[in-house]
N, C-alpha and C. Protein backbone atom coordinates (compact mmCIF):
# COMPACT_ATOMS: atom_id res chain seq x y z
N MET A 1 147.33 -139.11 -25.86
CA MET A 1 148.50 -139.85 -25.42
C MET A 1 148.07 -140.97 -24.49
N ALA A 2 148.57 -142.13 -24.78
CA ALA A 2 148.25 -143.29 -23.96
C ALA A 2 149.41 -143.55 -23.01
N VAL A 3 149.15 -143.37 -21.73
CA VAL A 3 150.18 -143.61 -20.73
C VAL A 3 149.78 -144.85 -19.94
N LEU A 4 150.70 -145.76 -19.86
CA LEU A 4 150.50 -147.01 -19.14
C LEU A 4 150.34 -146.73 -17.66
N GLU A 5 149.41 -147.43 -17.03
CA GLU A 5 149.23 -147.32 -15.57
C GLU A 5 150.55 -147.67 -14.87
N GLN A 6 150.82 -147.03 -13.75
CA GLN A 6 152.10 -147.22 -13.06
C GLN A 6 152.35 -148.69 -12.71
N LYS A 7 151.33 -149.40 -12.26
CA LYS A 7 151.49 -150.80 -11.87
C LYS A 7 151.98 -151.63 -13.06
N GLU A 8 151.41 -151.39 -14.24
CA GLU A 8 151.84 -152.12 -15.44
C GLU A 8 153.22 -151.67 -15.88
N PHE A 9 153.47 -150.36 -15.79
CA PHE A 9 154.77 -149.84 -16.21
C PHE A 9 155.89 -150.34 -15.30
N ASP A 10 155.59 -150.54 -14.02
CA ASP A 10 156.59 -151.07 -13.09
C ASP A 10 157.11 -152.43 -13.54
N LYS A 11 156.25 -153.23 -14.17
CA LYS A 11 156.68 -154.54 -14.69
C LYS A 11 157.72 -154.35 -15.81
N VAL A 12 157.46 -153.38 -16.67
CA VAL A 12 158.40 -153.07 -17.75
C VAL A 12 159.72 -152.61 -17.17
N ILE A 13 159.64 -151.66 -16.26
CA ILE A 13 160.82 -151.04 -15.66
C ILE A 13 161.67 -152.06 -14.90
N ALA A 14 161.02 -153.02 -14.25
CA ALA A 14 161.79 -154.03 -13.51
C ALA A 14 162.74 -154.77 -14.44
N TYR A 15 162.26 -155.15 -15.62
CA TYR A 15 163.14 -155.81 -16.58
C TYR A 15 164.18 -154.85 -17.13
N GLY A 16 163.78 -153.61 -17.38
CA GLY A 16 164.72 -152.62 -17.89
C GLY A 16 165.87 -152.37 -16.93
N LYS A 17 165.56 -152.25 -15.65
CA LYS A 17 166.61 -152.04 -14.64
C LYS A 17 167.55 -153.22 -14.59
N GLN A 18 166.98 -154.43 -14.60
CA GLN A 18 167.82 -155.63 -14.60
C GLN A 18 168.72 -155.67 -15.84
N ALA A 19 168.14 -155.29 -16.97
CA ALA A 19 168.90 -155.29 -18.23
C ALA A 19 170.12 -154.38 -18.11
N PHE A 20 169.92 -153.18 -17.59
CA PHE A 20 171.03 -152.24 -17.50
C PHE A 20 172.04 -152.64 -16.43
N GLN A 21 171.60 -153.35 -15.41
CA GLN A 21 172.55 -153.90 -14.45
C GLN A 21 173.44 -154.94 -15.12
N GLU A 22 172.85 -155.75 -15.99
CA GLU A 22 173.63 -156.74 -16.73
C GLU A 22 174.60 -156.06 -17.71
N LEU A 23 174.15 -154.98 -18.31
CA LEU A 23 175.02 -154.25 -19.23
C LEU A 23 176.24 -153.70 -18.49
N GLU A 24 176.02 -153.20 -17.28
CA GLU A 24 177.14 -152.70 -16.47
C GLU A 24 178.14 -153.81 -16.16
N LYS A 25 177.66 -155.04 -16.06
CA LYS A 25 178.52 -156.19 -15.81
C LYS A 25 179.10 -156.75 -17.11
N GLU A 26 178.83 -156.05 -18.20
CA GLU A 26 179.28 -156.44 -19.54
C GLU A 26 178.68 -157.77 -19.99
N ASN A 27 177.46 -158.04 -19.53
CA ASN A 27 176.72 -159.22 -19.96
C ASN A 27 175.70 -158.76 -21.00
N TYR A 28 176.21 -158.51 -22.20
CA TYR A 28 175.40 -157.92 -23.27
C TYR A 28 174.24 -158.82 -23.69
N GLU A 29 174.47 -160.11 -23.79
CA GLU A 29 173.40 -161.03 -24.21
C GLU A 29 172.23 -161.01 -23.22
N MET A 30 172.54 -160.98 -21.93
CA MET A 30 171.48 -160.92 -20.92
C MET A 30 170.78 -159.57 -20.97
N PHE A 31 171.52 -158.51 -21.26
CA PHE A 31 170.93 -157.19 -21.45
C PHE A 31 169.85 -157.26 -22.53
N LEU A 32 170.18 -157.88 -23.66
CA LEU A 32 169.22 -157.99 -24.76
C LEU A 32 168.02 -158.84 -24.35
N GLU A 33 168.28 -159.95 -23.70
CA GLU A 33 167.19 -160.85 -23.29
C GLU A 33 166.23 -160.16 -22.34
N LEU A 34 166.76 -159.48 -21.35
CA LEU A 34 165.91 -158.78 -20.39
C LEU A 34 165.19 -157.61 -21.04
N GLY A 35 165.84 -156.96 -21.98
CA GLY A 35 165.19 -155.87 -22.72
C GLY A 35 163.96 -156.37 -23.46
N GLU A 36 164.08 -157.53 -24.08
CA GLU A 36 162.93 -158.13 -24.78
C GLU A 36 161.82 -158.51 -23.80
N LYS A 37 162.20 -159.01 -22.65
CA LYS A 37 161.19 -159.38 -21.65
C LYS A 37 160.44 -158.13 -21.17
N GLY A 38 161.15 -157.05 -20.99
CA GLY A 38 160.50 -155.80 -20.62
C GLY A 38 159.56 -155.30 -21.70
N TRP A 39 160.03 -155.38 -22.94
CA TRP A 39 159.21 -154.95 -24.08
C TRP A 39 157.92 -155.76 -24.14
N ALA A 40 158.02 -157.03 -23.84
CA ALA A 40 156.84 -157.92 -23.88
C ALA A 40 155.81 -157.57 -22.80
N GLN A 41 156.21 -156.78 -21.81
CA GLN A 41 155.27 -156.40 -20.74
C GLN A 41 154.31 -155.30 -21.18
N PHE A 42 154.63 -154.59 -22.25
CA PHE A 42 153.70 -153.58 -22.75
C PHE A 42 152.48 -154.29 -23.33
N PRO A 43 151.27 -153.85 -22.97
CA PRO A 43 150.09 -154.44 -23.59
C PRO A 43 150.07 -154.16 -25.09
N SER A 44 149.48 -155.05 -25.83
CA SER A 44 149.38 -154.90 -27.29
C SER A 44 148.23 -153.96 -27.62
N PRO A 45 148.41 -153.15 -28.62
CA PRO A 45 149.61 -152.93 -29.42
C PRO A 45 150.59 -151.99 -28.71
N VAL A 46 151.84 -152.39 -28.73
CA VAL A 46 152.89 -151.65 -28.03
C VAL A 46 153.00 -150.21 -28.49
N GLU A 47 152.79 -150.00 -29.79
CA GLU A 47 152.96 -148.63 -30.31
C GLU A 47 151.92 -147.65 -29.77
N ASN A 48 150.98 -148.11 -28.97
CA ASN A 48 149.99 -147.21 -28.36
C ASN A 48 150.48 -146.57 -27.06
N TRP A 49 151.62 -147.01 -26.55
CA TRP A 49 152.04 -146.56 -25.22
C TRP A 49 153.21 -145.58 -25.30
N ASN A 50 152.98 -144.43 -24.70
CA ASN A 50 153.98 -143.36 -24.67
C ASN A 50 155.33 -143.84 -24.14
N GLN A 51 155.33 -144.57 -23.06
CA GLN A 51 156.59 -144.99 -22.43
C GLN A 51 157.41 -145.93 -23.30
N ALA A 52 156.77 -146.57 -24.27
CA ALA A 52 157.48 -147.50 -25.14
C ALA A 52 158.53 -146.78 -25.98
N TYR A 53 158.28 -145.53 -26.33
CA TYR A 53 159.24 -144.77 -27.13
C TYR A 53 160.57 -144.65 -26.40
N ASN A 54 160.54 -144.16 -25.18
CA ASN A 54 161.79 -143.96 -24.43
C ASN A 54 162.45 -145.28 -24.07
N TYR A 55 161.66 -146.30 -23.81
CA TYR A 55 162.22 -147.62 -23.54
C TYR A 55 163.01 -148.10 -24.77
N ALA A 56 162.37 -148.01 -25.93
CA ALA A 56 163.04 -148.44 -27.17
C ALA A 56 164.26 -147.57 -27.45
N LYS A 57 164.15 -146.27 -27.19
CA LYS A 57 165.29 -145.37 -27.44
C LYS A 57 166.49 -145.74 -26.58
N SER A 58 166.26 -146.09 -25.33
CA SER A 58 167.40 -146.43 -24.47
C SER A 58 168.08 -147.72 -24.94
N PHE A 59 167.29 -148.68 -25.41
CA PHE A 59 167.90 -149.91 -25.93
C PHE A 59 168.55 -149.66 -27.28
N PHE A 60 167.96 -148.82 -28.10
CA PHE A 60 168.58 -148.45 -29.38
C PHE A 60 169.97 -147.84 -29.14
N ASN A 61 170.04 -146.85 -28.28
CA ASN A 61 171.31 -146.16 -28.04
C ASN A 61 172.39 -147.12 -27.54
N ASN A 62 172.01 -148.05 -26.69
CA ASN A 62 173.00 -148.98 -26.15
C ASN A 62 173.39 -150.07 -27.13
N THR A 63 172.48 -150.52 -27.96
CA THR A 63 172.86 -151.51 -28.97
C THR A 63 173.73 -150.84 -30.03
N LEU A 64 173.45 -149.58 -30.33
CA LEU A 64 174.28 -148.85 -31.30
C LEU A 64 175.69 -148.65 -30.74
N ARG A 65 175.81 -148.36 -29.45
CA ARG A 65 177.13 -148.22 -28.81
C ARG A 65 177.94 -149.51 -28.91
N HIS A 66 177.25 -150.63 -28.99
CA HIS A 66 177.92 -151.92 -29.11
C HIS A 66 178.09 -152.34 -30.57
N ASN A 67 177.80 -151.42 -31.48
CA ASN A 67 177.90 -151.70 -32.92
C ASN A 67 177.09 -152.94 -33.31
N ASP A 68 176.01 -153.16 -32.62
CA ASP A 68 175.11 -154.27 -32.92
C ASP A 68 173.99 -153.71 -33.80
N PHE A 69 174.28 -153.60 -35.09
CA PHE A 69 173.37 -152.91 -36.00
C PHE A 69 172.05 -153.64 -36.20
N GLU A 70 172.08 -154.95 -36.12
CA GLU A 70 170.84 -155.71 -36.27
C GLU A 70 169.89 -155.40 -35.11
N GLU A 71 170.40 -155.44 -33.90
CA GLU A 71 169.58 -155.11 -32.73
C GLU A 71 169.19 -153.63 -32.73
N ALA A 72 170.12 -152.76 -33.08
CA ALA A 72 169.83 -151.32 -33.12
C ALA A 72 168.70 -151.05 -34.11
N LYS A 73 168.74 -151.71 -35.24
CA LYS A 73 167.67 -151.52 -36.24
C LYS A 73 166.32 -151.96 -35.69
N LYS A 74 166.31 -153.06 -34.98
CA LYS A 74 165.06 -153.54 -34.38
C LYS A 74 164.49 -152.50 -33.42
N TRP A 75 165.35 -151.96 -32.56
CA TRP A 75 164.88 -150.99 -31.56
C TRP A 75 164.50 -149.67 -32.19
N ILE A 76 165.24 -149.21 -33.20
CA ILE A 76 164.85 -147.94 -33.81
C ILE A 76 163.55 -148.10 -34.59
N ASN A 77 163.34 -149.26 -35.19
CA ASN A 77 162.06 -149.49 -35.87
C ASN A 77 160.91 -149.48 -34.88
N ARG A 78 161.14 -150.01 -33.70
CA ARG A 78 160.10 -149.99 -32.67
C ARG A 78 159.77 -148.56 -32.25
N LEU A 79 160.79 -147.75 -32.03
CA LEU A 79 160.50 -146.39 -31.61
C LEU A 79 159.88 -145.59 -32.74
N ILE A 80 160.23 -145.87 -33.97
CA ILE A 80 159.61 -145.18 -35.12
C ILE A 80 158.14 -145.57 -35.23
N GLU A 81 157.83 -146.85 -35.07
CA GLU A 81 156.43 -147.28 -35.11
C GLU A 81 155.64 -146.58 -34.01
N ASN A 82 156.23 -146.50 -32.83
CA ASN A 82 155.59 -145.83 -31.72
C ASN A 82 155.39 -144.35 -32.03
N ASN A 83 156.44 -143.71 -32.53
CA ASN A 83 156.37 -142.29 -32.88
C ASN A 83 155.33 -142.04 -33.97
N ASN A 84 155.30 -142.90 -34.98
CA ASN A 84 154.35 -142.71 -36.07
C ASN A 84 152.91 -142.82 -35.57
N ASN A 85 152.68 -143.67 -34.60
CA ASN A 85 151.34 -143.84 -34.06
C ASN A 85 150.94 -142.67 -33.15
N LEU A 86 151.85 -142.23 -32.29
CA LEU A 86 151.53 -141.22 -31.29
C LEU A 86 152.01 -139.81 -31.66
N HIS A 87 152.81 -139.69 -32.73
CA HIS A 87 153.33 -138.39 -33.17
C HIS A 87 154.05 -137.66 -32.03
N LEU A 88 155.06 -138.31 -31.50
CA LEU A 88 155.75 -137.79 -30.33
C LEU A 88 156.95 -136.90 -30.68
N PHE A 89 157.95 -137.47 -31.32
CA PHE A 89 159.24 -136.80 -31.46
C PHE A 89 159.80 -136.96 -32.88
N ASP A 90 159.14 -136.43 -33.87
CA ASP A 90 159.59 -136.61 -35.25
C ASP A 90 161.02 -136.15 -35.46
N THR A 91 161.37 -135.00 -34.93
CA THR A 91 162.70 -134.45 -35.13
C THR A 91 163.76 -135.30 -34.44
N GLU A 92 163.48 -135.73 -33.24
CA GLU A 92 164.43 -136.60 -32.54
C GLU A 92 164.62 -137.90 -33.30
N THR A 93 163.55 -138.42 -33.85
CA THR A 93 163.64 -139.67 -34.62
C THR A 93 164.56 -139.48 -35.83
N MET A 94 164.48 -138.34 -36.48
CA MET A 94 165.39 -138.05 -37.61
C MET A 94 166.84 -138.03 -37.12
N HIS A 95 167.06 -137.43 -35.97
CA HIS A 95 168.42 -137.39 -35.42
C HIS A 95 168.92 -138.81 -35.13
N LEU A 96 168.08 -139.64 -34.53
CA LEU A 96 168.48 -141.01 -34.21
C LEU A 96 168.77 -141.81 -35.48
N MET A 97 167.98 -141.60 -36.51
CA MET A 97 168.26 -142.27 -37.79
C MET A 97 169.61 -141.81 -38.34
N GLY A 98 169.92 -140.53 -38.17
CA GLY A 98 171.23 -140.03 -38.59
C GLY A 98 172.36 -140.73 -37.86
N LYS A 99 172.20 -140.94 -36.55
CA LYS A 99 173.21 -141.66 -35.78
C LYS A 99 173.38 -143.08 -36.30
N PHE A 100 172.27 -143.75 -36.54
CA PHE A 100 172.32 -145.12 -37.04
C PHE A 100 173.07 -145.18 -38.37
N CYS A 101 172.71 -144.29 -39.28
CA CYS A 101 173.37 -144.28 -40.59
C CYS A 101 174.85 -143.96 -40.46
N PHE A 102 175.18 -142.97 -39.64
CA PHE A 102 176.59 -142.59 -39.45
C PHE A 102 177.40 -143.78 -38.95
N GLU A 103 176.91 -144.47 -37.93
CA GLU A 103 177.65 -145.58 -37.35
C GLU A 103 177.81 -146.73 -38.34
N LYS A 104 176.86 -146.88 -39.25
CA LYS A 104 176.96 -147.92 -40.27
C LYS A 104 177.85 -147.50 -41.44
N GLY A 105 178.27 -146.23 -41.45
CA GLY A 105 179.10 -145.73 -42.54
C GLY A 105 178.30 -145.19 -43.71
N ASP A 106 177.01 -145.01 -43.55
CA ASP A 106 176.14 -144.46 -44.59
C ASP A 106 176.05 -142.95 -44.37
N TYR A 107 177.13 -142.27 -44.74
CA TYR A 107 177.27 -140.85 -44.42
C TYR A 107 176.30 -139.96 -45.18
N ASP A 108 175.97 -140.32 -46.40
CA ASP A 108 175.00 -139.51 -47.16
C ASP A 108 173.65 -139.48 -46.46
N ASN A 109 173.19 -140.64 -46.03
CA ASN A 109 171.90 -140.67 -45.34
C ASN A 109 171.99 -140.06 -43.95
N ALA A 110 173.12 -140.19 -43.29
CA ALA A 110 173.29 -139.54 -41.99
C ALA A 110 173.09 -138.03 -42.16
N ARG A 111 173.74 -137.46 -43.16
CA ARG A 111 173.57 -136.01 -43.40
C ARG A 111 172.14 -135.68 -43.78
N LYS A 112 171.51 -136.52 -44.56
CA LYS A 112 170.12 -136.27 -44.97
C LYS A 112 169.21 -136.19 -43.73
N TYR A 113 169.33 -137.16 -42.84
CA TYR A 113 168.49 -137.16 -41.63
C TYR A 113 168.85 -136.00 -40.72
N TRP A 114 170.14 -135.75 -40.56
CA TRP A 114 170.54 -134.66 -39.69
C TRP A 114 170.15 -133.30 -40.27
N ASN A 115 170.16 -133.16 -41.59
CA ASN A 115 169.68 -131.91 -42.19
C ASN A 115 168.24 -131.64 -41.79
N MET A 116 167.40 -132.69 -41.82
CA MET A 116 166.00 -132.52 -41.43
C MET A 116 165.89 -132.13 -39.95
N ALA A 117 166.66 -132.78 -39.10
CA ALA A 117 166.61 -132.50 -37.66
C ALA A 117 167.10 -131.08 -37.37
N VAL A 118 168.20 -130.68 -37.99
CA VAL A 118 168.77 -129.35 -37.75
C VAL A 118 167.82 -128.27 -38.28
N LYS A 119 167.19 -128.53 -39.39
CA LYS A 119 166.23 -127.55 -39.94
C LYS A 119 165.11 -127.29 -38.94
N ASP A 120 164.64 -128.32 -38.27
CA ASP A 120 163.54 -128.18 -37.31
C ASP A 120 163.98 -127.71 -35.93
N ALA A 121 165.17 -128.14 -35.47
CA ALA A 121 165.52 -127.92 -34.07
C ALA A 121 166.90 -127.35 -33.83
N GLY A 122 167.60 -126.98 -34.87
CA GLY A 122 168.96 -126.51 -34.66
C GLY A 122 169.85 -127.67 -34.24
N TYR A 123 170.86 -127.37 -33.46
CA TYR A 123 171.85 -128.38 -33.07
C TYR A 123 171.55 -129.06 -31.74
N ARG A 124 170.40 -128.80 -31.14
CA ARG A 124 170.16 -129.28 -29.77
C ARG A 124 170.22 -130.79 -29.62
N TYR A 125 169.87 -131.55 -30.64
CA TYR A 125 169.92 -133.01 -30.50
C TYR A 125 171.34 -133.54 -30.51
N PHE A 126 172.30 -132.74 -30.91
CA PHE A 126 173.70 -133.16 -30.88
C PHE A 126 174.33 -132.95 -29.50
N GLU A 127 173.68 -132.19 -28.63
CA GLU A 127 174.29 -131.77 -27.37
C GLU A 127 174.75 -132.91 -26.48
N ASN A 128 174.01 -133.99 -26.43
CA ASN A 128 174.37 -135.09 -25.53
C ASN A 128 174.87 -136.32 -26.27
N ASP A 129 175.37 -136.11 -27.46
CA ASP A 129 175.89 -137.21 -28.27
C ASP A 129 177.39 -137.07 -28.46
N LYS A 130 177.94 -138.03 -29.16
CA LYS A 130 179.37 -137.98 -29.48
C LYS A 130 179.70 -136.68 -30.20
N ASP A 131 180.78 -136.06 -29.82
CA ASP A 131 181.23 -134.83 -30.49
C ASP A 131 181.45 -135.08 -31.98
N GLU A 132 181.82 -136.30 -32.31
CA GLU A 132 182.10 -136.67 -33.70
C GLU A 132 180.89 -136.43 -34.61
N TYR A 133 179.68 -136.61 -34.10
CA TYR A 133 178.49 -136.44 -34.93
C TYR A 133 178.36 -134.99 -35.41
N LEU A 134 178.46 -134.06 -34.49
CA LEU A 134 178.32 -132.66 -34.86
C LEU A 134 179.52 -132.20 -35.69
N ASP A 135 180.70 -132.69 -35.36
CA ASP A 135 181.88 -132.34 -36.14
C ASP A 135 181.71 -132.81 -37.58
N PHE A 136 181.25 -134.03 -37.75
CA PHE A 136 180.99 -134.54 -39.10
C PHE A 136 179.94 -133.69 -39.80
N TYR A 137 178.86 -133.38 -39.10
CA TYR A 137 177.78 -132.61 -39.71
C TYR A 137 178.28 -131.24 -40.19
N LYS A 138 179.08 -130.58 -39.38
CA LYS A 138 179.57 -129.25 -39.72
C LYS A 138 180.77 -129.29 -40.67
N ASN A 139 181.55 -130.37 -40.65
CA ASN A 139 182.80 -130.46 -41.42
C ASN A 139 182.92 -131.78 -42.16
N PRO A 140 182.00 -132.12 -43.03
CA PRO A 140 182.04 -133.43 -43.67
C PRO A 140 183.31 -133.66 -44.51
N GLN A 141 183.94 -132.58 -44.96
CA GLN A 141 185.13 -132.72 -45.78
C GLN A 141 186.29 -133.34 -45.00
N LYS A 142 186.25 -133.30 -43.66
CA LYS A 142 187.32 -133.88 -42.84
C LYS A 142 187.24 -135.40 -42.78
N TYR A 143 186.13 -135.96 -43.20
CA TYR A 143 185.90 -137.40 -43.04
C TYR A 143 186.03 -138.12 -44.37
N ASN A 144 186.48 -139.35 -44.30
CA ASN A 144 186.56 -140.20 -45.48
C ASN A 144 185.14 -140.64 -45.81
N LEU A 145 184.61 -140.12 -46.89
CA LEU A 145 183.21 -140.38 -47.23
C LEU A 145 183.06 -141.42 -48.33
N ASN A 146 183.83 -142.46 -48.24
CA ASN A 146 183.72 -143.53 -49.24
C ASN A 146 182.60 -144.49 -48.93
N GLY A 147 181.90 -144.30 -47.78
CA GLY A 147 180.85 -145.22 -47.35
C GLY A 147 179.53 -144.97 -47.99
């Protein structure tokens, strides 16, 4: 596992903190800009650094909450590249892909990814997410699945 030295990671975190302060002020564009600046602080190749996974995950979750699928896809691809290189959280990555697909209305793929995650880890990845995700997973017949 490659962990960035604290001094270098502090540079990343400084931009991340600023980004989330802007998000709280509902300045979404500045949130994205500062997020990119923080990402650029990771030495190349970024996928070698453990902390990059969680950084990308936090930006993925927030871009997904804003229904910004283009940005969410960019961030999830970054965390997947990081995960594939360091083999960190395969099951969590499947769960996150399920969230992405669900929010885009791709319910078949959401179930496919969530089936893989549940097979490996049970329902624990649903615990801190929207109740709707687990309800859909357990009761897909309640949802309009025309997507």
